[in-house]
Amino acid sequence: MAFDRLIEKIAETQNPTVAGLDPKLEYIPASIRNACFEKYGKTLEGAAAALFEFNKAIIDRIYDIVPAVKPQAAYYEMYGWQGVWALTDTIAYAQSKGMFVITDGKRNDIGTTMQAYAAAHLGTTDICGEEVYPFGADALTVNGYLGTDGIKPLTDICKKEDKGIFVLVKTSNPSSGELQDMRLENGATVYEQMGRMCESWGEELPGKYGYSGVGAVVGATYPEQLLEMREKAPHTFFLVPGYGAQGGGAEDAKNAFDKNGLGAIINSSRGIMCAWKKQNLTEEDFAEAARNEALRMKDDIISTIGKISL
């Protein structure tokens, strides 16, 4: 099961974190931008090339200490098909370095449309009898609010292709409570009910470390709800946004973990990509700064949760 591979990588590196690769052109050093613009012009091709070169440099400096990366699809799609090409290349490059890749796409649909999303991001596409991987990520974030009709096509692909999904449960944004905190007739909050559904969906994808292939997105910005969901969804692996730039810290995120230090992976995007700004380094040192921040984040979390053991 895909999350078994992720859990083993986390234990190997003693690092339950994922680096979000959500690049903007203003994050990218002028030297990289200028080289790409000189070759392709100030075009979508030039922008996409700069994104990929930036991502490669960060991956090269963190792949031995960070188990996973999480590219957010929107930051690539805004540069058209050329940006999507950069996303594809980023996924392949990170995997070539042994990293687990979570595509943050928050896809949501039903029936054959969801089958198409599942095939695109996690499975294969048939081209006149030839099966090819369009993106080939290891996991995908999804929106479960269309119910089982929107999840079943994904779990079918996950079972076949050894992939995983993270379903939005309690997100880190300030207005998440407008819907997610509302109570249903059974007394549960909307997010609690979604967590129960993740536990149910995950029964199709059991893992050897007690966590299924259906994970949940639960934000570090709501530590009490994070603890609640850890208790109520014991077989659901958490992807935890909100650390760093959104205000969450290790003390907030610790509630996501079990007694062995397993059960979650904590995301930082801008904190790693733009670390050179906080470290008073030049933009040319962005990759080294990213490594420094990744190590600081690792030490911060491990000092709070303790050694990770399988």
Foldseek 3Di string as FASTA:
>chain_A
DLVVLLLVLCQVLVFQAAEELQDDPVLFDPVLLVVLCVVVNPALLSRLSRSLVLLLLQLVLPLSRHQAYEYEVVSQCVSPVNSVVSQLVSQVSNVVSVHAYEYEDQAWDFDVVLLVVLCQDDNWDDDPNDTDHNRHHQEYEYECVVDPRNCVSNLVSCVVRVHAYAYEQQAQDPCSCVQQQDADPVGDGNSLVVLVSLLVSQVSAADPVQAGRYAYEHELNDQVVLLVSCVSNVRHAYEYECDDPNDGFLVSPLSQADLQRGRYHYYDYCCLSNQCVVVVHDSVCSSVSSSVSSVVRSCRNCVVRPRHDD
